[in-house]
Amino acid sequence: MNPGTMGANALPTFQLEPPWVEDYTLLQVGAATQWGWKGDHSLLPTFRLITPFGKWAEAIFEGAPFEGWWASPETREEWKLTTRTEGIAKADIRFGFKVLLADGGDGLPKLAFRGITKATTGKDVESRRFVDGPAYLLEVLLGQRMRSDHGVIIDLCTSVGYWIWQQQETGQNDAVHWAAALTVQPRERLTLAIEARGYIGWQRNDKPIVVALRAGWLFADFFELGATMNVGFVDAPRLEGRLDLRFRLPSLVPLLFKNDPLPPPGSN
């Protein structure tokens, strides 16, 4: 029960995020579709909710309600799928938090800790769609925001952590999860990013690598349209496309926690 022998959304890598906490609530809805190198195909709606608690912490709630999937003849034979070769499966829900550990000011990198738990909502383990067991990500985030003399914003971020998942009767597998990303904002409303991430386990078929290209356009102060292309290599080769609607809403707890976000673009 490792990524190389499971469906595209069973044991994914985790997108890197900066260590600092934004001063708005993020509500994101979208869709993702994956094409495997052997001709497999899957599609699922996605959601994400991130709520800040002041400058130092945020709550994370994300996942998908279901996944539609189809297995190619090559995959059916390799995985011995004799009963079902396509269908709709319950997908995974994840929840977690991020805590800002160190903030030395604009001239120094910021350090944070992120923890995410995968619930047991994902089903259809017989068809190798999801791991019917809990999983946990514990990682440290490091990042720095810089501004050029021409007003271009550049974010450099990296992370390293521990990714653990249950494999039913075979016990537990764990891996070192890593990521690095470069994000550039050449214009006030345009954001471009490139990211590499993956994890390294100690068993077979558990060392996926993903390279991601992302673009986002802020149509209004409260609404951004984002597009992502992910390319998977090594143990889980596949192509993924994502389209997300991101809504920047007021903080849900402004009276309890006062935020102190990074200076807005163009400020001194």
Protein backbone atom coordinates (compact mmCIF):
# COMPACT_ATOMS: atom_id res chain seq x y z
CA MET A 1 0.00 0.00 0.00
CA ASN A 2 2.45 2.57 -1.30
CA PRO A 3 1.98 5.36 -3.89
CA GLY A 4 3.38 3.30 -6.75
CA THR A 5 0.72 0.62 -6.26
CA MET A 6 -2.28 2.81 -5.36
CA GLY A 7 -4.56 5.33 -7.06
CA ALA A 8 -3.43 8.87 -7.81
CA ASN A 9 -5.03 10.41 -4.69
CA ALA A 10 -4.32 7.70 -2.11
CA LEU A 11 -0.93 8.91 -0.81
CA PRO A 12 -0.16 12.25 -2.49
CA THR A 13 2.70 14.59 -1.76
CA PHE A 14 1.80 17.79 0.12
CA GLN A 15 1.98 21.20 -1.52
CA LEU A 16 4.44 23.50 0.20
CA GLU A 17 3.14 26.64 1.83
CA PRO A 18 5.04 29.57 3.36
CA PRO A 19 5.69 29.62 7.10
CA TRP A 20 3.93 32.93 7.72
CA VAL A 21 0.20 33.24 8.41
CA GLU A 22 -2.01 35.36 6.16
CA ASP A 23 -4.49 37.85 7.60
CA TYR A 24 -7.54 36.41 5.81
CA THR A 25 -9.55 33.19 5.77
CA LEU A 26 -8.93 31.17 2.60
CA LEU A 27 -11.88 29.27 1.12
CA GLN A 28 -10.83 27.27 -1.93
CA VAL A 29 -12.97 25.06 -4.15
CA GLY A 30 -11.88 23.41 -7.37
CA ALA A 31 -11.35 20.24 -9.34
CA ALA A 32 -8.38 18.01 -10.14
CA THR A 33 -7.87 15.35 -12.77
CA GLN A 34 -5.02 12.87 -13.16
CA TRP A 35 -3.72 10.84 -16.09
CA GLY A 36 -1.39 7.94 -15.32
CA TRP A 37 1.45 6.86 -17.58
CA LYS A 38 -0.40 3.55 -18.12
CA GLY A 39 -3.62 5.25 -19.17
CA ASP A 40 -5.43 5.45 -15.82
CA HIS A 41 -7.72 8.40 -15.25
CA SER A 42 -9.29 9.97 -12.17
CA LEU A 43 -11.29 13.10 -11.38
CA LEU A 44 -12.37 14.65 -8.10
CA PRO A 45 -13.72 17.93 -6.66
CA THR A 46 -11.50 19.52 -4.02
CA PHE A 47 -11.85 22.01 -1.20
CA ARG A 48 -9.63 23.80 1.31
CA LEU A 49 -10.36 26.05 4.28
CA ILE A 50 -7.58 27.85 6.18
CA THR A 51 -8.49 30.02 9.14
CA PRO A 52 -5.86 32.22 10.83
CA PHE A 53 -5.71 32.67 14.59
CA GLY A 54 -3.73 35.87 14.75
CA LYS A 55 -0.19 36.07 13.42
CA TRP A 56 1.03 32.83 14.95
CA ALA A 57 -1.34 29.99 14.02
CA GLU A 58 -3.90 28.73 11.52
CA ALA A 59 -6.28 25.79 11.21
CA ILE A 60 -6.36 23.67 8.03
CA PHE A 61 -9.28 21.63 6.68
CA GLU A 62 -9.04 20.13 3.19
CA GLY A 63 -9.75 17.16 0.97
CA ALA A 64 -12.35 15.82 -1.45
CA PRO A 65 -15.76 14.18 -0.98
CA PHE A 66 -15.32 11.54 -3.70
CA GLU A 67 -13.20 10.38 -6.62
CA GLY A 68 -14.29 9.07 -10.00
CA TRP A 69 -11.74 6.64 -11.46
CA TRP A 70 -11.01 4.31 -14.40
CA ALA A 71 -8.19 1.74 -14.54
CA SER A 72 -6.44 0.90 -17.81
CA PRO A 73 -6.06 -2.72 -19.01
CA GLU A 74 -2.37 -2.64 -18.03
CA THR A 75 -3.19 -1.53 -14.49
CA ARG A 76 -6.03 -4.04 -14.16
CA GLU A 77 -3.64 -6.86 -14.96
CA GLU A 78 -0.80 -5.63 -12.76
CA TRP A 79 -3.04 -4.93 -9.75
CA LYS A 80 -5.27 -8.00 -10.33
CA LEU A 81 -8.46 -5.91 -10.47
CA THR A 82 -10.96 -8.61 -11.37
CA THR A 83 -14.18 -7.20 -9.88
CA ARG A 84 -14.17 -3.43 -10.47
CA THR A 85 -12.22 -1.51 -13.08
CA GLU A 86 -13.98 1.85 -12.70
CA GLY A 87 -16.27 3.58 -10.26
CA ILE A 88 -16.73 6.27 -7.63
CA ALA A 89 -14.94 6.03 -4.29
CA LYS A 90 -15.17 8.04 -1.09
CA ALA A 91 -12.11 10.28 -0.89
CA ASP A 92 -9.92 11.50 1.95
CA ILE A 93 -10.49 14.41 4.32
CA ARG A 94 -7.49 15.99 6.07
CA PHE A 95 -7.23 18.45 8.93
CA GLY A 96 -4.34 20.12 10.68
CA PHE A 97 -2.65 23.29 11.81
CA LYS A 98 0.37 25.52 11.25
CA VAL A 99 2.22 27.43 13.97
CA LEU A 100 4.73 30.22 13.33
CA LEU A 101 7.72 29.45 15.53
CA ALA A 102 10.14 32.28 14.73
CA ASP A 103 9.77 35.67 13.05
CA GLY A 104 12.88 37.83 13.13
CA GLY A 105 11.49 40.56 10.87
CA ASP A 106 11.58 41.28 7.15
CA GLY A 107 15.32 40.68 6.82
CA LEU A 108 15.33 37.14 8.25
CA PRO A 109 13.63 33.87 7.24
CA LYS A 110 10.56 32.70 9.13
CA LEU A 111 10.19 29.26 10.68
CA ALA A 112 6.96 27.31 11.24
CA PHE A 113 5.67 23.85 12.11
CA ARG A 114 2.82 22.15 10.22
CA GLY A 115 0.91 19.04 11.23
CA ILE A 116 -1.74 17.33 9.07
CA THR A 117 -3.81 14.23 9.80
CA LYS A 118 -5.51 12.17 7.11
CA ALA A 119 -8.80 10.75 8.34
CA THR A 120 -10.12 7.30 7.43
CA THR A 121 -12.85 8.62 5.10
CA GLY A 122 -11.15 7.28 1.96
CA LYS A 123 -12.55 3.88 0.95
CA ASP A 124 -12.42 1.27 -1.83
CA VAL A 125 -9.09 -0.17 -0.71
CA GLU A 126 -9.83 -3.35 -2.68
CA SER A 127 -9.55 -1.31 -5.89
CA ARG A 128 -6.46 0.46 -4.51
CA ARG A 129 -8.09 3.90 -4.54
CA PHE A 130 -7.43 4.98 -0.93
CA VAL A 131 -5.69 3.69 2.18
CA ASP A 132 -8.39 2.82 4.69
CA GLY A 133 -6.36 4.01 7.66
CA PRO A 134 -4.96 7.16 9.26
CA ALA A 135 -1.85 9.02 8.12
CA TYR A 136 0.14 11.91 9.57
CA LEU A 137 2.45 14.64 8.27
CA LEU A 138 4.77 16.47 10.67
CA GLU A 139 7.09 19.02 9.08
CA VAL A 140 9.12 22.19 9.55
CA LEU A 141 8.65 25.09 7.12
CA LEU A 142 11.31 27.72 6.34
CA GLY A 143 10.74 30.71 4.09
CA GLN A 144 11.78 34.24 3.19
CA ARG A 145 9.98 37.00 1.29
CA MET A 146 12.07 39.50 -0.69
CA ARG A 147 11.25 42.57 -2.78
CA SER A 148 13.25 43.95 -5.67
CA ASP A 149 13.80 47.63 -6.43
CA HIS A 150 11.19 47.29 -9.20
CA GLY A 151 8.49 45.99 -6.87
CA VAL A 152 8.76 42.30 -7.76
CA ILE A 153 7.97 40.02 -4.80
CA ILE A 154 9.95 36.77 -4.48
CA ASP A 155 9.23 34.01 -1.96
CA LEU A 156 11.76 31.25 -1.31
CA CYS A 157 10.40 28.38 0.80
CA THR A 158 11.46 24.88 1.76
CA SER A 159 10.34 22.17 4.14
CA VAL A 160 11.34 18.80 5.55
CA GLY A 161 9.24 16.45 7.64
CA TYR A 162 7.99 13.01 8.54
CA TRP A 163 5.12 11.32 6.63
CA ILE A 164 3.53 8.25 8.25
CA TRP A 165 0.69 6.03 6.99
CA GLN A 166 -0.93 2.78 8.08
CA GLN A 167 -1.00 -0.29 5.81
CA GLN A 168 -3.62 -2.41 7.54
CA GLU A 169 -2.23 -5.86 8.42
CA THR A 170 1.24 -5.04 7.05
CA GLY A 171 1.73 -2.33 9.66
CA GLN A 172 3.15 1.14 9.13
CA ASN A 173 5.28 2.82 6.49
CA ASP A 174 6.99 6.15 6.96
CA ALA A 175 9.04 8.50 4.84
CA VAL A 176 10.98 11.76 4.84
CA HIS A 177 8.82 14.38 3.13
CA TRP A 178 10.60 17.30 1.42
CA ALA A 179 9.70 20.32 -0.73
CA ALA A 180 11.21 23.50 -2.19
CA ALA A 181 9.43 26.30 -4.04
CA LEU A 182 10.08 29.61 -5.76
CA THR A 183 7.14 32.03 -6.02
CA VAL A 184 7.32 35.27 -8.01
CA GLN A 185 4.79 38.11 -8.13
CA PRO A 186 5.92 40.20 -11.14
CA ARG A 187 2.72 42.24 -11.11
CA GLU A 188 0.38 43.19 -8.31
CA ARG A 189 -2.29 40.61 -9.25
CA LEU A 190 -0.22 37.89 -10.94
CA THR A 191 1.52 35.06 -9.07
CA LEU A 192 3.77 32.41 -10.65
CA ALA A 193 5.41 29.48 -8.87
CA ILE A 194 7.54 26.41 -9.47
CA GLU A 195 7.86 23.68 -6.87
CA ALA A 196 9.53 20.30 -6.42
CA ARG A 197 8.37 17.95 -3.67
CA GLY A 198 8.26 14.29 -2.74
CA TYR A 199 9.05 11.77 -0.07
CA ILE A 200 11.54 8.96 0.48
CA GLY A 201 10.31 5.80 2.16
CA TRP A 202 12.16 2.63 3.13
CA GLN A 203 10.02 0.14 1.21
CA ARG A 204 9.35 -0.30 -2.51
CA ASN A 205 7.21 2.06 -4.65
CA ASP A 206 7.30 4.79 -1.97
CA LYS A 207 9.62 7.46 -3.39
CA PRO A 208 7.47 9.74 -5.57
CA ILE A 209 8.71 13.07 -6.94
CA VAL A 210 6.41 15.83 -8.20
CA VAL A 211 7.29 19.01 -10.12
CA ALA A 212 4.54 21.64 -10.07
CA LEU A 213 3.91 24.80 -12.08
CA ARG A 214 1.30 27.21 -10.70
CA ALA A 215 -0.25 30.48 -11.84
CA GLY A 216 -2.80 32.68 -10.12
CA TRP A 217 -4.62 35.87 -11.08
CA LEU A 218 -6.27 38.07 -8.46
CA PHE A 219 -9.41 39.35 -10.21
CA ALA A 220 -10.52 41.22 -7.09
CA ASP A 221 -9.16 41.72 -3.60
CA PHE A 222 -11.28 38.78 -2.43
CA PHE A 223 -11.13 36.40 -5.43
CA GLU A 224 -8.25 34.61 -7.16
CA LEU A 225 -8.32 32.04 -9.98
CA GLY A 226 -5.52 29.50 -9.82
CA ALA A 227 -4.27 26.81 -12.21
CA THR A 228 -1.72 24.08 -11.48
CA MET A 229 0.07 21.46 -13.53
CA ASN A 230 1.75 18.65 -11.59
CA VAL A 231 4.07 16.10 -13.19
CA GLY A 232 4.86 12.98 -11.17
CA PHE A 233 8.02 10.93 -11.64
CA VAL A 234 9.72 7.80 -10.31
CA ASP A 235 7.34 5.57 -8.31
CA ALA A 236 4.04 7.29 -9.22
CA PRO A 237 4.39 8.78 -12.71
CA ARG A 238 1.33 10.74 -13.76
CA LEU A 239 0.12 14.12 -15.01
CA GLU A 240 -2.31 16.21 -12.96
CA GLY A 241 -4.23 19.37 -13.79
CA ARG A 242 -5.99 21.52 -11.19
CA LEU A 243 -8.27 24.55 -11.35
CA ASP A 244 -9.11 26.38 -8.12
CA LEU A 245 -11.35 29.26 -7.08
CA ARG A 246 -9.82 30.98 -4.06
CA PHE A 247 -11.87 33.37 -1.92
CA ARG A 248 -10.11 35.63 0.58
CA LEU A 249 -12.61 36.16 3.36
CA PRO A 250 -12.36 38.12 6.61
CA SER A 251 -10.81 36.33 9.55
CA LEU A 252 -13.35 34.20 11.40
CA VAL A 253 -11.92 35.19 14.77
CA PRO A 254 -10.87 38.88 14.45
CA LEU A 255 -12.08 39.82 17.92
CA LEU A 256 -10.04 37.15 19.67
CA PHE A 257 -6.79 37.34 17.72
CA LYS A 258 -5.24 40.40 16.15
CA ASN A 259 -3.07 39.54 13.16
CA ASP A 260 0.18 41.21 12.18
CA PRO A 261 0.66 40.05 8.56
CA LEU A 262 3.60 40.69 6.29
CA PRO A 263 3.71 44.22 4.87
CA PRO A 264 1.48 44.54 1.79
CA PRO A 265 3.15 44.69 -1.64
CA GLY A 266 4.77 48.04 -2.32
CA SER A 267 4.94 49.19 1.31
CA ASN A 268 8.17 50.27 2.97
